[in-house]
Amino acid sequence: MKLRDLGLPKSEIIRIADEWVWNKRDKAILIMKMEGSTYEEIAESLCLSTQYVKELYLASRNLIIEHSR
């Protein structure tokens, strides 16, 4: 499931992220991805591997999905 499939406005996703995604880097990855950045672009900007960025994004996304219900 993708975040956009939840049908929530961006502001609500960010509110949930503020409550449940405690790491600022992970929250930044979530927001950058929501704004259209690719995993590769995010990885380069944060000096992380693309695979690690994907893992962090998916973990944050899963928290959002879990706590949006």
PDB file of N, CA and C in Angstrom:
ATOM      1  N   MET A   1       0.844  -1.185   0.000  1.00  0.00           N
ATOM      2  CA  MET A   1       0.000   0.000   0.000  1.00  0.00           C
ATOM      3  C   MET A   1       0.888   1.247   0.000  1.00  0.00           C
ATOM      4  N   LYS A   2       0.460   2.222  -0.760  1.00  0.00           N
ATOM      5  CA  LYS A   2       1.171   3.496  -0.808  1.00  0.00           C
ATOM      6  C   LYS A   2       0.444   4.501   0.074  1.00  0.00           C
ATOM      7  N   LEU A   3       1.181   5.499   0.535  1.00  0.00           N
ATOM      8  CA  LEU A   3       0.566   6.495   1.407  1.00  0.00           C
ATOM      9  C   LEU A   3      -0.599   7.202   0.724  1.00  0.00           C
ATOM     10  N   ARG A   4      -0.462   7.483  -0.565  1.00  0.00           N
ATOM     11  CA  ARG A   4      -1.550   8.181  -1.254  1.00  0.00           C
ATOM     12  C   ARG A   4      -2.825   7.341  -1.308  1.00  0.00           C
ATOM     13  N   ASP A   5      -2.676   6.011  -1.193  1.00  0.00           N
ATOM     14  CA  ASP A   5      -3.842   5.129  -1.200  1.00  0.00           C
ATOM     15  C   ASP A   5      -4.672   5.251   0.078  1.00  0.00           C
ATOM     16  N   LEU A   6      -4.108   5.858   1.109  1.00  0.00           N
ATOM     17  CA  LEU A   6      -4.852   6.050   2.352  1.00  0.00           C
ATOM     18  C   LEU A   6      -5.934   7.116   2.209  1.00  0.00           C
ATOM     19  N   GLY A   7      -5.769   7.998   1.241  1.00  0.00           N
ATOM     20  CA  GLY A   7      -6.741   9.067   1.042  1.00  0.00           C
ATOM     21  C   GLY A   7      -6.650  10.168   2.080  1.00  0.00           C
ATOM     22  N   LEU A   8      -5.517  10.245   2.766  1.00  0.00           N
ATOM     23  CA  LEU A   8      -5.320  11.273   3.786  1.00  0.00           C
ATOM     24  C   LEU A   8      -4.609  12.477   3.184  1.00  0.00           C
ATOM     25  N   PRO A   9      -4.954  13.684   3.643  1.00  0.00           N
ATOM     26  CA  PRO A   9      -4.200  14.853   3.186  1.00  0.00           C
ATOM     27  C   PRO A   9      -2.769  14.798   3.740  1.00  0.00           C
ATOM     28  N   LYS A  10      -1.871  15.458   3.034  1.00  0.00           N
ATOM     29  CA  LYS A  10      -0.465  15.481   3.442  1.00  0.00           C
ATOM     30  C   LYS A  10      -0.316  15.966   4.887  1.00  0.00           C
ATOM     31  N   SER A  11      -1.110  16.941   5.276  1.00  0.00           N
ATOM     32  CA  SER A  11      -1.017  17.478   6.637  1.00  0.00           C
ATOM     33  C   SER A  11      -1.325  16.415   7.689  1.00  0.00           C
ATOM     34  N   GLU A  12      -2.256  15.520   7.394  1.00  0.00           N
ATOM     35  CA  GLU A  12      -2.599  14.451   8.338  1.00  0.00           C
ATOM     36  C   GLU A  12      -1.481  13.410   8.407  1.00  0.00           C
ATOM     37  N   ILE A  13      -0.888  13.105   7.265  1.00  0.00           N
ATOM     38  CA  ILE A  13       0.234  12.165   7.255  1.00  0.00           C
ATOM     39  C   ILE A  13       1.390  12.733   8.067  1.00  0.00           C
ATOM     40  N   ILE A  14       1.657  14.012   7.909  1.00  0.00           N
ATOM     41  CA  ILE A  14       2.738  14.650   8.670  1.00  0.00           C
ATOM     42  C   ILE A  14       2.405  14.675  10.157  1.00  0.00           C
ATOM     43  N   ARG A  15       1.140  14.910  10.504  1.00  0.00           N
ATOM     44  CA  ARG A  15       0.747  14.891  11.922  1.00  0.00           C
ATOM     45  C   ARG A  15       0.997  13.518  12.532  1.00  0.00           C
ATOM     46  N   ILE A  16       0.636  12.467  11.799  1.00  0.00           N
ATOM     47  CA  ILE A  16       0.875  11.107  12.284  1.00  0.00           C
ATOM     48  C   ILE A  16       2.371  10.841  12.389  1.00  0.00           C
ATOM     49  N   ALA A  17       3.122  11.295  11.392  1.00  0.00           N
ATOM     50  CA  ALA A  17       4.584  11.118  11.409  1.00  0.00           C
ATOM     51  C   ALA A  17       5.194  11.832  12.612  1.00  0.00           C
ATOM     52  N   ASP A  18       4.710  13.031  12.915  1.00  0.00           N
ATOM     53  CA  ASP A  18       5.236  13.770  14.073  1.00  0.00           C
ATOM     54  C   ASP A  18       5.037  12.991  15.367  1.00  0.00           C
ATOM     55  N   GLU A  19       3.966  12.240  15.424  1.00  0.00           N
ATOM     56  CA  GLU A  19       3.656  11.484  16.636  1.00  0.00           C
ATOM     57  C   GLU A  19       4.382  10.136  16.701  1.00  0.00           C
ATOM     58  N   TRP A  20       4.531   9.465  15.558  1.00  0.00           N
ATOM     59  CA  TRP A  20       5.010   8.085  15.575  1.00  0.00           C
ATOM     60  C   TRP A  20       6.383   7.850  14.952  1.00  0.00           C
ATOM     61  N   VAL A  21       6.845   8.738  14.087  1.00  0.00           N
ATOM     62  CA  VAL A  21       8.182   8.589  13.486  1.00  0.00           C
ATOM     63  C   VAL A  21       9.100   9.530  14.246  1.00  0.00           C
ATOM     64  N   TRP A  22       9.831   8.983  15.193  1.00  0.00           N
ATOM     65  CA  TRP A  22      10.583   9.817  16.127  1.00  0.00           C
ATOM     66  C   TRP A  22      11.913  10.306  15.580  1.00  0.00           C
ATOM     67  N   ASN A  23      12.517   9.562  14.683  1.00  0.00           N
ATOM     68  CA  ASN A  23      13.819   9.956  14.145  1.00  0.00           C
ATOM     69  C   ASN A  23      13.625  11.039  13.079  1.00  0.00           C
ATOM     70  N   LYS A  24      14.309  12.162  13.247  1.00  0.00           N
ATOM     71  CA  LYS A  24      14.157  13.291  12.319  1.00  0.00           C
ATOM     72  C   LYS A  24      14.596  12.917  10.907  1.00  0.00           C
ATOM     73  N   ARG A  25      15.646  12.130  10.793  1.00  0.00           N
ATOM     74  CA  ARG A  25      16.122  11.697   9.476  1.00  0.00           C
ATOM     75  C   ARG A  25      15.059  10.859   8.781  1.00  0.00           C
ATOM     76  N   ASP A  26      14.453   9.934   9.507  1.00  0.00           N
ATOM     77  CA  ASP A  26      13.429   9.071   8.933  1.00  0.00           C
ATOM     78  C   ASP A  26      12.210   9.885   8.489  1.00  0.00           C
ATOM     79  N   LYS A  27      11.852  10.878   9.310  1.00  0.00           N
ATOM     80  CA  LYS A  27      10.732  11.744   8.957  1.00  0.00           C
ATOM     81  C   LYS A  27      11.062  12.568   7.711  1.00  0.00           C
ATOM     82  N   ALA A  28      12.305  13.020   7.609  1.00  0.00           N
ATOM     83  CA  ALA A  28      12.731  13.781   6.431  1.00  0.00           C
ATOM     84  C   ALA A  28      12.651  12.916   5.178  1.00  0.00           C
ATOM     85  N   ILE A  29      13.060  11.658   5.300  1.00  0.00           N
ATOM     86  CA  ILE A  29      12.981  10.733   4.160  1.00  0.00           C
ATOM     87  C   ILE A  29      11.531  10.565   3.736  1.00  0.00           C
ATOM     88  N   LEU A  30      10.648  10.385   4.684  1.00  0.00           N
ATOM     89  CA  LEU A  30       9.224  10.224   4.399  1.00  0.00           C
ATOM     90  C   LEU A  30       8.682  11.438   3.645  1.00  0.00           C
ATOM     91  N   ILE A  31       9.000  12.616   4.117  1.00  0.00           N
ATOM     92  CA  ILE A  31       8.502  13.847   3.498  1.00  0.00           C
ATOM     93  C   ILE A  31       9.116  14.040   2.110  1.00  0.00           C
ATOM     94  N   MET A  32      10.420  13.793   1.984  1.00  0.00           N
ATOM     95  CA  MET A  32      11.074  13.937   0.680  1.00  0.00           C
ATOM     96  C   MET A  32      10.447  12.995  -0.342  1.00  0.00           C
ATOM     97  N   LYS A  33      10.143  11.780   0.078  1.00  0.00           N
ATOM     98  CA  LYS A  33       9.527  10.807  -0.825  1.00  0.00           C
ATOM     99  C   LYS A  33       8.116  11.260  -1.200  1.00  0.00           C
ATOM    100  N   MET A  34       7.375  11.793  -0.232  1.00  0.00           N
ATOM    101  CA  MET A  34       6.028  12.287  -0.508  1.00  0.00           C
ATOM    102  C   MET A  34       6.058  13.455  -1.489  1.00  0.00           C
ATOM    103  N   GLU A  35       7.143  14.218  -1.467  1.00  0.00           N
ATOM    104  CA  GLU A  35       7.271  15.374  -2.354  1.00  0.00           C
ATOM    105  C   GLU A  35       7.811  14.994  -3.729  1.00  0.00           C
ATOM    106  N   GLY A  36       8.049  13.698  -3.946  1.00  0.00           N
ATOM    107  CA  GLY A  36       8.423  13.248  -5.275  1.00  0.00           C
ATOM    108  C   GLY A  36       9.875  12.899  -5.506  1.00  0.00           C
ATOM    109  N   SER A  37      10.709  13.014  -4.484  1.00  0.00           N
ATOM    110  CA  SER A  37      12.112  12.640  -4.644  1.00  0.00           C
ATOM    111  C   SER A  37      12.234  11.131  -4.816  1.00  0.00           C
ATOM    112  N   THR A  38      13.214  10.715  -5.587  1.00  0.00           N
ATOM    113  CA  THR A  38      13.467   9.286  -5.755  1.00  0.00           C
ATOM    114  C   THR A  38      14.323   8.794  -4.595  1.00  0.00           C
ATOM    115  N   TYR A  39      14.350   7.478  -4.424  1.00  0.00           N
ATOM    116  CA  TYR A  39      15.208   6.908  -3.384  1.00  0.00           C
ATOM    117  C   TYR A  39      16.662   7.302  -3.625  1.00  0.00           C
ATOM    118  N   GLU A  40      17.063   7.305  -4.876  1.00  0.00           N
ATOM    119  CA  GLU A  40      18.445   7.635  -5.227  1.00  0.00           C
ATOM    120  C   GLU A  40      18.771   9.083  -4.864  1.00  0.00           C
ATOM    121  N   GLU A  41      17.853   9.997  -5.147  1.00  0.00           N
ATOM    122  CA  GLU A  41      18.071  11.412  -4.812  1.00  0.00           C
ATOM    123  C   GLU A  41      18.167  11.602  -3.304  1.00  0.00           C
ATOM    124  N   ILE A  42      17.292  10.942  -2.585  1.00  0.00           N
ATOM    125  CA  ILE A  42      17.314  11.055  -1.123  1.00  0.00           C
ATOM    126  C   ILE A  42      18.609  10.474  -0.567  1.00  0.00           C
ATOM    127  N   ALA A  43      18.990   9.305  -1.065  1.00  0.00           N
ATOM    128  CA  ALA A  43      20.217   8.656  -0.598  1.00  0.00           C
ATOM    129  C   ALA A  43      21.422   9.556  -0.822  1.00  0.00           C
ATOM    130  N   GLU A  44      21.495  10.153  -1.993  1.00  0.00           N
ATOM    131  CA  GLU A  44      22.628  11.026  -2.299  1.00  0.00           C
ATOM    132  C   GLU A  44      22.646  12.247  -1.384  1.00  0.00           C
ATOM    133  N   SER A  45      21.483  12.843  -1.152  1.00  0.00           N
ATOM    134  CA  SER A  45      21.437  14.060  -0.328  1.00  0.00           C
ATOM    135  C   SER A  45      21.758  13.783   1.139  1.00  0.00           C
ATOM    136  N   LEU A  46      21.492  12.552   1.595  1.00  0.00           N
ATOM    137  CA  LEU A  46      21.749  12.214   3.002  1.00  0.00           C
ATOM    138  C   LEU A  46      22.994  11.347   3.198  1.00  0.00           C
ATOM    139  N   CYS A  47      23.709  11.084   2.093  1.00  0.00           N
ATOM    140  CA  CYS A  47      24.924  10.252   2.140  1.00  0.00           C
ATOM    141  C   CYS A  47      24.626   8.864   2.733  1.00  0.00           C
ATOM    142  N   LEU A  48      23.550   8.262   2.237  1.00  0.00           N
ATOM    143  CA  LEU A  48      23.154   6.923   2.649  1.00  0.00           C
ATOM    144  C   LEU A  48      23.033   6.051   1.405  1.00  0.00           C
ATOM    145  N   SER A  49      23.001   4.743   1.605  1.00  0.00           N
ATOM    146  CA  SER A  49      22.777   3.862   0.464  1.00  0.00           C
ATOM    147  C   SER A  49      21.305   3.913   0.069  1.00  0.00           C
ATOM    148  N   THR A  50      21.050   3.656  -1.191  1.00  0.00           N
ATOM    149  CA  THR A  50      19.677   3.640  -1.681  1.00  0.00           C
ATOM    150  C   THR A  50      18.861   2.577  -0.954  1.00  0.00           C
ATOM    151  N   GLN A  51      19.446   1.424  -0.741  1.00  0.00           N
ATOM    152  CA  GLN A  51      18.735   0.335  -0.068  1.00  0.00           C
ATOM    153  C   GLN A  51      18.348   0.727   1.366  1.00  0.00           C
ATOM    154  N   TYR A  52      19.259   1.403   2.064  1.00  0.00           N
ATOM    155  CA  TYR A  52      18.972   1.819   3.436  1.00  0.00           C
ATOM    156  C   TYR A  52      17.841   2.854   3.460  1.00  0.00           C
ATOM    157  N   VAL A  53      17.843   3.768   2.501  1.00  0.00           N
ATOM    158  CA  VAL A  53      16.780   4.761   2.407  1.00  0.00           C
ATOM    159  C   VAL A  53      15.439   4.065   2.179  1.00  0.00           C
ATOM    160  N   LYS A  54      15.421   3.065   1.303  1.00  0.00           N
ATOM    161  CA  LYS A  54      14.183   2.312   1.058  1.00  0.00           C
ATOM    162  C   LYS A  54      13.689   1.655   2.336  1.00  0.00           C
ATOM    163  N   GLU A  55      14.609   1.044   3.087  1.00  0.00           N
ATOM    164  CA  GLU A  55      14.226   0.372   4.328  1.00  0.00           C
ATOM    165  C   GLU A  55      13.658   1.361   5.348  1.00  0.00           C
ATOM    166  N   LEU A  56      14.314   2.507   5.480  1.00  0.00           N
ATOM    167  CA  LEU A  56      13.841   3.515   6.432  1.00  0.00           C
ATOM    168  C   LEU A  56      12.487   4.071   6.006  1.00  0.00           C
ATOM    169  N   TYR A  57      12.326   4.319   4.716  1.00  0.00           N
ATOM    170  CA  TYR A  57      11.047   4.826   4.218  1.00  0.00           C
ATOM    171  C   TYR A  57       9.923   3.814   4.475  1.00  0.00           C
ATOM    172  N   LEU A  58      10.178   2.556   4.148  1.00  0.00           N
ATOM    173  CA  LEU A  58       9.144   1.540   4.323  1.00  0.00           C
ATOM    174  C   LEU A  58       8.756   1.376   5.789  1.00  0.00           C
ATOM    175  N   ALA A  59       9.728   1.451   6.677  1.00  0.00           N
ATOM    176  CA  ALA A  59       9.423   1.354   8.108  1.00  0.00           C
ATOM    177  C   ALA A  59       8.544   2.531   8.549  1.00  0.00           C
ATOM    178  N   SER A  60       8.886   3.735   8.099  1.00  0.00           N
ATOM    179  CA  SER A  60       8.089   4.920   8.441  1.00  0.00           C
ATOM    180  C   SER A  60       6.703   4.838   7.821  1.00  0.00           C
ATOM    181  N   ARG A  61       6.650   4.416   6.564  1.00  0.00           N
ATOM    182  CA  ARG A  61       5.369   4.272   5.875  1.00  0.00           C
ATOM    183  C   ARG A  61       4.466   3.290   6.614  1.00  0.00           C
ATOM    184  N   ASN A  62       5.040   2.191   7.065  1.00  0.00           N
ATOM    185  CA  ASN A  62       4.247   1.188   7.778  1.00  0.00           C
ATOM    186  C   ASN A  62       3.698   1.738   9.090  1.00  0.00           C
ATOM    187  N   LEU A  63       4.476   2.577   9.768  1.00  0.00           N
ATOM    188  CA  LEU A  63       3.975   3.219  10.988  1.00  0.00           C
ATOM    189  C   LEU A  63       2.797   4.132  10.674  1.00  0.00           C
ATOM    190  N   ILE A  64       2.903   4.890   9.600  1.00  0.00           N
ATOM    191  CA  ILE A  64       1.826   5.787   9.201  1.00  0.00           C
ATOM    192  C   ILE A  64       0.562   4.989   8.900  1.00  0.00           C
ATOM    193  N   ILE A  65       0.722   3.927   8.136  1.00  0.00           N
ATOM    194  CA  ILE A  65      -0.431   3.087   7.777  1.00  0.00           C
ATOM    195  C   ILE A  65      -1.071   2.496   9.033  1.00  0.00           C
ATOM    196  N   GLU A  66      -0.231   1.973   9.917  1.00  0.00           N
ATOM    197  CA  GLU A  66      -0.745   1.348  11.136  1.00  0.00           C
ATOM    198  C   GLU A  66      -1.512   2.331  12.018  1.00  0.00           C
ATOM    199  N   HIS A  67      -1.017   3.544  12.124  1.00  0.00           N
ATOM    200  CA  HIS A  67      -1.614   4.513  13.053  1.00  0.00           C
ATOM    201  C   HIS A  67      -2.623   5.447  12.391  1.00  0.00           C
ATOM    202  N   SER A  68      -2.928   5.191  11.138  1.00  0.00           N
ATOM    203  CA  SER A  68      -3.930   6.032  10.464  1.00  0.00           C
ATOM    204  C   SER A  68      -5.320   5.398  10.541  1.00  0.00           C
ATOM    205  N   ARG A  69      -5.383   4.235  11.102  1.00  0.00           N
ATOM    206  CA  ARG A  69      -6.662   3.498  11.145  1.00  0.00           C
ATOM    207  C   ARG A  69      -7.450   3.806  12.384  1.00  0.00           C
TER     208      ARG A  69
END
